[in-house]
Amino acid sequence: MIDYQLEPDLSVDEYHEILVRSGLAERRPADDREKLSKMIGNADIVLTARSAGKLVGISRCMTDFAHATYLADLAVDRDFQKQGIGRELIARSHEAAGKHTILLLLAAPAAASYYPHVGLEKHDSCWIIPRS
């Protein structure tokens, strides 16, 4: 049984732990507590998945609730992957932002094959300015 809920006050410690247990810490500033605190504290949507109280998944989004929603983090504990948790986190995050918004994300190369599987469409016209 997985319990999904909005947790805007999720602790930095739990955020860090799920990044590590999911493997997403490899692509996040996991050793910089100040950055992690800003990342979780400034998100508009923090949706969690818990099993018997243990955090097993998270979706972290920024949105204007009117037009666009950026899914910045989708992380599921490796021991809980392939159970539909990621798909449910995406769906519930989009619902929380408003289905009338476009949901956008940048996939890590290793995760790119996952997103079509859960219903996202590839879009070829994305440009970025890398971090300095």
N, C-alpha and C. Protein backbone atom coordinates (compact mmCIF):
# COMPACT_ATOMS: atom_id res chain seq x y z
N MET A 1 0.85 -1.18 0.00
CA MET A 1 0.00 0.00 0.00
C MET A 1 0.89 1.24 0.00
N ILE A 2 0.74 2.07 -1.00
CA ILE A 2 1.51 3.30 -1.11
C ILE A 2 0.58 4.48 -0.82
N ASP A 3 1.03 5.36 0.06
CA ASP A 3 0.28 6.56 0.42
C ASP A 3 0.93 7.76 -0.27
N TYR A 4 0.15 8.47 -1.07
CA TYR A 4 0.62 9.66 -1.79
C TYR A 4 0.07 10.89 -1.09
N GLN A 5 0.93 11.89 -0.92
CA GLN A 5 0.46 13.13 -0.30
C GLN A 5 1.35 14.30 -0.67
N LEU A 6 0.75 15.49 -0.63
CA LEU A 6 1.52 16.71 -0.80
C LEU A 6 2.23 16.97 0.52
N GLU A 7 3.54 17.20 0.45
CA GLU A 7 4.34 17.45 1.66
C GLU A 7 5.23 18.67 1.43
N PRO A 8 4.66 19.86 1.46
CA PRO A 8 5.46 21.06 1.22
C PRO A 8 6.55 21.30 2.26
N ASP A 9 6.43 20.68 3.42
CA ASP A 9 7.43 20.87 4.48
C ASP A 9 8.33 19.64 4.65
N LEU A 10 8.52 18.87 3.57
CA LEU A 10 9.40 17.71 3.64
C LEU A 10 10.78 18.15 4.11
N SER A 11 11.37 17.37 4.99
CA SER A 11 12.69 17.74 5.53
C SER A 11 13.79 17.54 4.49
N VAL A 12 14.82 18.33 4.62
CA VAL A 12 15.98 18.20 3.74
C VAL A 12 16.61 16.82 3.91
N ASP A 13 16.60 16.29 5.11
CA ASP A 13 17.18 14.96 5.35
C ASP A 13 16.44 13.88 4.57
N GLU A 14 15.11 13.91 4.58
CA GLU A 14 14.36 12.91 3.83
C GLU A 14 14.54 13.11 2.33
N TYR A 15 14.58 14.35 1.90
CA TYR A 15 14.82 14.64 0.49
C TYR A 15 16.16 14.05 0.06
N HIS A 16 17.19 14.32 0.83
CA HIS A 16 18.52 13.78 0.53
C HIS A 16 18.50 12.25 0.48
N GLU A 17 17.85 11.64 1.45
CA GLU A 17 17.81 10.16 1.52
C GLU A 17 17.16 9.55 0.28
N ILE A 18 16.04 10.13 -0.18
CA ILE A 18 15.38 9.55 -1.36
C ILE A 18 16.21 9.80 -2.62
N LEU A 19 16.91 10.90 -2.69
CA LEU A 19 17.80 11.11 -3.83
C LEU A 19 18.86 10.03 -3.87
N VAL A 20 19.43 9.69 -2.73
CA VAL A 20 20.46 8.65 -2.66
C VAL A 20 19.87 7.29 -2.98
N ARG A 21 18.76 6.93 -2.34
CA ARG A 21 18.17 5.59 -2.52
C ARG A 21 17.61 5.36 -3.93
N SER A 22 17.34 6.45 -4.65
CA SER A 22 16.82 6.32 -6.01
C SER A 22 17.92 6.34 -7.06
N GLY A 23 19.09 6.84 -6.69
CA GLY A 23 20.17 7.01 -7.66
C GLY A 23 20.20 8.41 -8.26
N LEU A 24 19.20 9.23 -7.97
CA LEU A 24 19.15 10.58 -8.52
C LEU A 24 20.22 11.50 -7.92
N ALA A 25 20.75 11.13 -6.77
CA ALA A 25 21.79 11.94 -6.13
C ALA A 25 23.02 12.11 -7.02
N GLU A 26 23.22 11.18 -7.94
CA GLU A 26 24.36 11.27 -8.87
C GLU A 26 24.24 12.49 -9.78
N ARG A 27 23.01 12.99 -9.97
CA ARG A 27 22.78 14.13 -10.87
C ARG A 27 22.23 15.34 -10.13
N ARG A 28 22.40 15.38 -8.84
CA ARG A 28 21.95 16.50 -8.02
C ARG A 28 23.07 16.91 -7.07
N PRO A 29 23.03 18.14 -6.55
CA PRO A 29 24.07 18.58 -5.60
C PRO A 29 23.83 17.98 -4.21
N ALA A 30 23.88 16.67 -4.14
CA ALA A 30 23.49 15.94 -2.92
C ALA A 30 24.36 16.27 -1.72
N ASP A 31 25.58 16.72 -1.94
CA ASP A 31 26.47 17.04 -0.83
C ASP A 31 26.37 18.49 -0.38
N ASP A 32 25.48 19.25 -1.00
CA ASP A 32 25.33 20.66 -0.67
C ASP A 32 23.96 20.87 0.00
N ARG A 33 23.95 20.78 1.31
CA ARG A 33 22.70 20.86 2.08
C ARG A 33 21.97 22.19 1.84
N GLU A 34 22.73 23.27 1.69
CA GLU A 34 22.10 24.58 1.46
C GLU A 34 21.32 24.58 0.14
N LYS A 35 21.92 24.03 -0.91
CA LYS A 35 21.23 23.97 -2.19
C LYS A 35 20.01 23.06 -2.11
N LEU A 36 20.17 21.90 -1.46
CA LEU A 36 19.03 20.99 -1.32
C LEU A 36 17.89 21.66 -0.57
N SER A 37 18.22 22.42 0.45
CA SER A 37 17.21 23.13 1.22
C SER A 37 16.45 24.12 0.34
N LYS A 38 17.16 24.84 -0.51
CA LYS A 38 16.52 25.79 -1.42
C LYS A 38 15.68 25.05 -2.47
N MET A 39 16.21 23.93 -2.96
CA MET A 39 15.49 23.17 -3.98
C MET A 39 14.14 22.67 -3.46
N ILE A 40 14.15 22.12 -2.27
CA ILE A 40 12.90 21.58 -1.72
C ILE A 40 12.01 22.70 -1.19
N GLY A 41 12.62 23.73 -0.60
CA GLY A 41 11.84 24.81 -0.01
C GLY A 41 11.18 25.72 -1.02
N ASN A 42 11.75 25.84 -2.22
CA ASN A 42 11.20 26.74 -3.23
C ASN A 42 10.33 26.03 -4.27
N ALA A 43 10.15 24.74 -4.11
CA ALA A 43 9.29 24.00 -5.04
C ALA A 43 7.83 24.36 -4.78
N ASP A 44 7.05 24.41 -5.84
CA ASP A 44 5.63 24.69 -5.71
C ASP A 44 4.85 23.43 -5.34
N ILE A 45 5.33 22.29 -5.80
CA ILE A 45 4.68 21.01 -5.51
C ILE A 45 5.73 20.02 -5.05
N VAL A 46 5.55 19.48 -3.88
CA VAL A 46 6.37 18.37 -3.37
C VAL A 46 5.37 17.26 -3.05
N LEU A 47 5.37 16.24 -3.89
CA LEU A 47 4.45 15.12 -3.74
C LEU A 47 5.27 13.90 -3.36
N THR A 48 4.84 13.21 -2.32
CA THR A 48 5.60 12.06 -1.85
C THR A 48 4.81 10.77 -1.97
N ALA A 49 5.56 9.68 -1.98
CA ALA A 49 4.99 8.33 -1.91
C ALA A 49 5.64 7.66 -0.71
N ARG A 50 4.81 7.11 0.16
CA ARG A 50 5.31 6.44 1.36
C ARG A 50 4.73 5.04 1.47
N SER A 51 5.57 4.15 1.97
CA SER A 51 5.16 2.78 2.27
C SER A 51 5.39 2.56 3.75
N ALA A 52 4.33 2.35 4.50
CA ALA A 52 4.41 2.18 5.96
C ALA A 52 5.20 3.33 6.60
N GLY A 53 4.97 4.53 6.09
CA GLY A 53 5.62 5.72 6.63
C GLY A 53 6.98 6.05 6.04
N LYS A 54 7.60 5.08 5.38
CA LYS A 54 8.93 5.30 4.79
C LYS A 54 8.79 6.01 3.44
N LEU A 55 9.57 7.07 3.24
CA LEU A 55 9.56 7.79 1.97
C LEU A 55 10.19 6.90 0.90
N VAL A 56 9.40 6.58 -0.14
CA VAL A 56 9.89 5.72 -1.20
C VAL A 56 9.86 6.40 -2.57
N GLY A 57 9.30 7.62 -2.62
CA GLY A 57 9.27 8.34 -3.89
C GLY A 57 8.94 9.80 -3.68
N ILE A 58 9.37 10.61 -4.64
CA ILE A 58 9.10 12.04 -4.59
C ILE A 58 9.01 12.61 -6.00
N SER A 59 8.14 13.59 -6.14
CA SER A 59 8.07 14.42 -7.33
C SER A 59 8.18 15.86 -6.84
N ARG A 60 9.06 16.61 -7.47
CA ARG A 60 9.27 18.02 -7.09
C ARG A 60 9.06 18.87 -8.34
N CYS A 61 8.12 19.83 -8.25
CA CYS A 61 7.75 20.63 -9.42
C CYS A 61 7.75 22.12 -9.12
N MET A 62 7.98 22.89 -10.17
CA MET A 62 7.76 24.33 -10.17
C MET A 62 6.67 24.60 -11.20
N THR A 63 5.71 25.45 -10.83
CA THR A 63 4.59 25.71 -11.73
C THR A 63 4.02 27.10 -11.50
N ASP A 64 3.33 27.60 -12.52
CA ASP A 64 2.57 28.84 -12.36
C ASP A 64 1.09 28.52 -12.15
N PHE A 65 0.73 27.24 -12.17
CA PHE A 65 -0.63 26.75 -11.98
C PHE A 65 -1.60 27.24 -13.07
N ALA A 66 -1.07 27.84 -14.12
CA ALA A 66 -1.92 28.36 -15.18
C ALA A 66 -1.55 27.83 -16.56
N HIS A 67 -0.23 27.70 -16.81
CA HIS A 67 0.21 27.37 -18.16
C HIS A 67 1.25 26.25 -18.21
N ALA A 68 2.24 26.30 -17.31
CA ALA A 68 3.35 25.35 -17.41
C ALA A 68 3.76 24.80 -16.04
N THR A 69 4.17 23.55 -16.05
CA THR A 69 4.68 22.88 -14.86
C THR A 69 5.97 22.17 -15.24
N TYR A 70 7.03 22.45 -14.50
CA TYR A 70 8.32 21.80 -14.73
C TYR A 70 8.52 20.74 -13.65
N LEU A 71 8.62 19.50 -14.08
CA LEU A 71 8.89 18.39 -13.17
C LEU A 71 10.41 18.28 -13.02
N ALA A 72 10.92 18.80 -11.92
CA ALA A 72 12.36 18.90 -11.71
C ALA A 72 12.97 17.60 -11.19
N ASP A 73 12.25 16.90 -10.33
CA ASP A 73 12.74 15.64 -9.76
C ASP A 73 11.63 14.60 -9.78
N LEU A 74 11.98 13.42 -10.23
CA LEU A 74 11.14 12.24 -10.06
C LEU A 74 12.08 11.16 -9.56
N ALA A 75 11.89 10.78 -8.32
CA ALA A 75 12.81 9.82 -7.70
C ALA A 75 12.02 8.74 -6.98
N VAL A 76 12.35 7.49 -7.27
CA VAL A 76 11.73 6.36 -6.59
C VAL A 76 12.84 5.45 -6.08
N ASP A 77 12.75 5.10 -4.81
CA ASP A 77 13.69 4.19 -4.17
C ASP A 77 13.89 2.96 -5.06
N ARG A 78 15.13 2.58 -5.29
CA ARG A 78 15.42 1.45 -6.18
C ARG A 78 14.66 0.18 -5.77
N ASP A 79 14.46 -0.02 -4.47
CA ASP A 79 13.74 -1.21 -4.00
C ASP A 79 12.25 -1.16 -4.30
N PHE A 80 11.74 -0.02 -4.74
CA PHE A 80 10.31 0.14 -5.00
C PHE A 80 10.02 0.47 -6.47
N GLN A 81 11.03 0.45 -7.31
CA GLN A 81 10.83 0.76 -8.72
C GLN A 81 10.08 -0.38 -9.41
N LYS A 82 9.49 -0.05 -10.54
CA LYS A 82 8.72 -0.98 -11.38
C LYS A 82 7.44 -1.45 -10.70
N GLN A 83 6.87 -0.56 -9.86
CA GLN A 83 5.59 -0.84 -9.21
C GLN A 83 4.54 0.21 -9.57
N GLY A 84 4.87 1.12 -10.49
CA GLY A 84 3.93 2.15 -10.90
C GLY A 84 3.97 3.41 -10.06
N ILE A 85 4.92 3.50 -9.13
CA ILE A 85 5.01 4.67 -8.25
C ILE A 85 5.39 5.92 -9.03
N GLY A 86 6.36 5.83 -9.91
CA GLY A 86 6.77 6.98 -10.71
C GLY A 86 5.63 7.48 -11.57
N ARG A 87 4.94 6.57 -12.21
CA ARG A 87 3.79 6.93 -13.06
C ARG A 87 2.73 7.66 -12.22
N GLU A 88 2.46 7.16 -11.03
CA GLU A 88 1.45 7.78 -10.16
C GLU A 88 1.91 9.14 -9.65
N LEU A 89 3.19 9.28 -9.34
CA LEU A 89 3.72 10.57 -8.91
C LEU A 89 3.58 11.61 -10.02
N ILE A 90 3.86 11.22 -11.24
CA ILE A 90 3.71 12.13 -12.38
C ILE A 90 2.25 12.55 -12.52
N ALA A 91 1.35 11.59 -12.52
CA ALA A 91 -0.07 11.88 -12.71
C ALA A 91 -0.60 12.79 -11.60
N ARG A 92 -0.26 12.49 -10.37
CA ARG A 92 -0.77 13.28 -9.25
C ARG A 92 -0.13 14.67 -9.20
N SER A 93 1.11 14.77 -9.61
CA SER A 93 1.76 16.09 -9.67
C SER A 93 1.10 16.96 -10.71
N HIS A 94 0.81 16.36 -11.87
CA HIS A 94 0.15 17.11 -12.94
C HIS A 94 -1.24 17.54 -12.48
N GLU A 95 -1.93 16.66 -11.80
CA GLU A 95 -3.25 17.00 -11.27
C GLU A 95 -3.16 18.15 -10.27
N ALA A 96 -2.15 18.12 -9.39
CA ALA A 96 -1.98 19.18 -8.38
C ALA A 96 -1.69 20.53 -9.04
N ALA A 97 -0.96 20.51 -10.14
CA ALA A 97 -0.62 21.76 -10.85
C ALA A 97 -1.78 22.23 -11.72
N GLY A 98 -2.58 21.27 -12.16
CA GLY A 98 -3.69 21.55 -13.07
C GLY A 98 -3.44 20.86 -14.39
N LYS A 99 -4.36 20.01 -14.79
CA LYS A 99 -4.21 19.27 -16.04
C LYS A 99 -4.17 20.21 -17.25
N HIS A 100 -4.61 21.45 -17.08
CA HIS A 100 -4.57 22.43 -18.16
C HIS A 100 -3.15 22.96 -18.39
N THR A 101 -2.20 22.64 -17.49
CA THR A 101 -0.81 23.05 -17.69
C THR A 101 -0.08 22.00 -18.52
N ILE A 102 0.94 22.44 -19.22
CA ILE A 102 1.82 21.50 -19.92
C ILE A 102 2.85 21.03 -18.89
N LEU A 103 3.11 19.75 -18.86
CA LEU A 103 4.11 19.18 -17.94
C LEU A 103 5.39 18.95 -18.73
N LEU A 104 6.48 19.54 -18.25
CA LEU A 104 7.77 19.46 -18.91
C LEU A 104 8.80 18.83 -17.99
N LEU A 105 9.75 18.12 -18.56
CA LEU A 105 10.88 17.63 -17.78
C LEU A 105 12.07 17.42 -18.68
N LEU A 106 13.24 17.46 -18.08
CA LEU A 106 14.48 17.13 -18.78
C LEU A 106 14.93 15.78 -18.25
N ALA A 107 15.05 14.80 -19.11
CA ALA A 107 15.41 13.46 -18.69
C ALA A 107 16.92 13.26 -18.72
N ALA A 108 17.43 12.60 -17.72
CA ALA A 108 18.82 12.16 -17.75
C ALA A 108 18.92 11.09 -18.84
N PRO A 109 20.05 11.02 -19.55
CA PRO A 109 20.17 10.03 -20.62
C PRO A 109 19.81 8.61 -20.18
N ALA A 110 20.18 8.22 -18.99
CA ALA A 110 19.90 6.86 -18.52
C ALA A 110 18.42 6.63 -18.26
N ALA A 111 17.65 7.70 -18.06
CA ALA A 111 16.23 7.56 -17.75
C ALA A 111 15.33 7.87 -18.95
N ALA A 112 15.90 8.28 -20.06
CA ALA A 112 15.11 8.74 -21.20
C ALA A 112 14.13 7.68 -21.72
N SER A 113 14.48 6.42 -21.65
CA SER A 113 13.59 5.38 -22.17
C SER A 113 12.39 5.13 -21.26
N TYR A 114 12.44 5.60 -20.02
CA TYR A 114 11.34 5.40 -19.08
C TYR A 114 10.12 6.25 -19.43
N TYR A 115 10.32 7.48 -19.81
CA TYR A 115 9.23 8.44 -19.94
C TYR A 115 8.20 8.10 -21.03
N PRO A 116 8.58 7.62 -22.20
CA PRO A 116 7.54 7.21 -23.16
C PRO A 116 6.69 6.06 -22.60
N HIS A 117 7.29 5.23 -21.79
CA HIS A 117 6.60 4.08 -21.18
C HIS A 117 5.45 4.54 -20.27
N VAL A 118 5.58 5.73 -19.68
CA VAL A 118 4.54 6.22 -18.76
C VAL A 118 3.69 7.33 -19.39
N GLY A 119 3.76 7.45 -20.72
CA GLY A 119 2.84 8.33 -21.42
C GLY A 119 3.34 9.72 -21.79
N LEU A 120 4.60 10.02 -21.56
CA LEU A 120 5.11 11.33 -21.96
C LEU A 120 5.57 11.28 -23.41
N GLU A 121 5.44 12.40 -24.10
CA GLU A 121 5.85 12.50 -25.49
C GLU A 121 7.19 13.22 -25.58
N LYS A 122 8.06 12.72 -26.45
CA LYS A 122 9.34 13.38 -26.68
C LYS A 122 9.11 14.66 -27.48
N HIS A 123 9.83 15.70 -27.11
CA HIS A 123 9.73 16.99 -27.81
C HIS A 123 11.14 17.42 -28.17
N ASP A 124 11.38 17.68 -29.43
CA ASP A 124 12.74 17.94 -29.90
C ASP A 124 13.19 19.39 -29.83
N SER A 125 12.32 20.31 -29.45
CA SER A 125 12.74 21.71 -29.46
C SER A 125 12.92 22.26 -28.05
N CYS A 126 13.89 21.71 -27.38
CA CYS A 126 14.24 22.19 -26.04
C CYS A 126 15.66 22.71 -26.09
N TRP A 127 15.85 23.89 -25.52
CA TRP A 127 17.18 24.48 -25.44
C TRP A 127 17.44 24.87 -24.00
N ILE A 128 18.71 24.84 -23.61
CA ILE A 128 19.08 25.19 -22.24
C ILE A 128 20.29 26.11 -22.23
N ILE A 129 20.45 26.84 -21.17
CA ILE A 129 21.69 27.52 -20.86
C ILE A 129 22.26 26.75 -19.68
N PRO A 130 23.37 26.04 -19.86
CA PRO A 130 23.93 25.22 -18.77
C PRO A 130 24.31 26.06 -17.55
N ARG A 131 24.37 25.38 -16.40
CA ARG A 131 24.81 26.05 -15.19
C ARG A 131 26.24 26.55 -15.36
N SER A 132 26.54 27.68 -14.72
CA SER A 132 27.92 28.19 -14.80
C SER A 132 28.70 27.72 -13.59
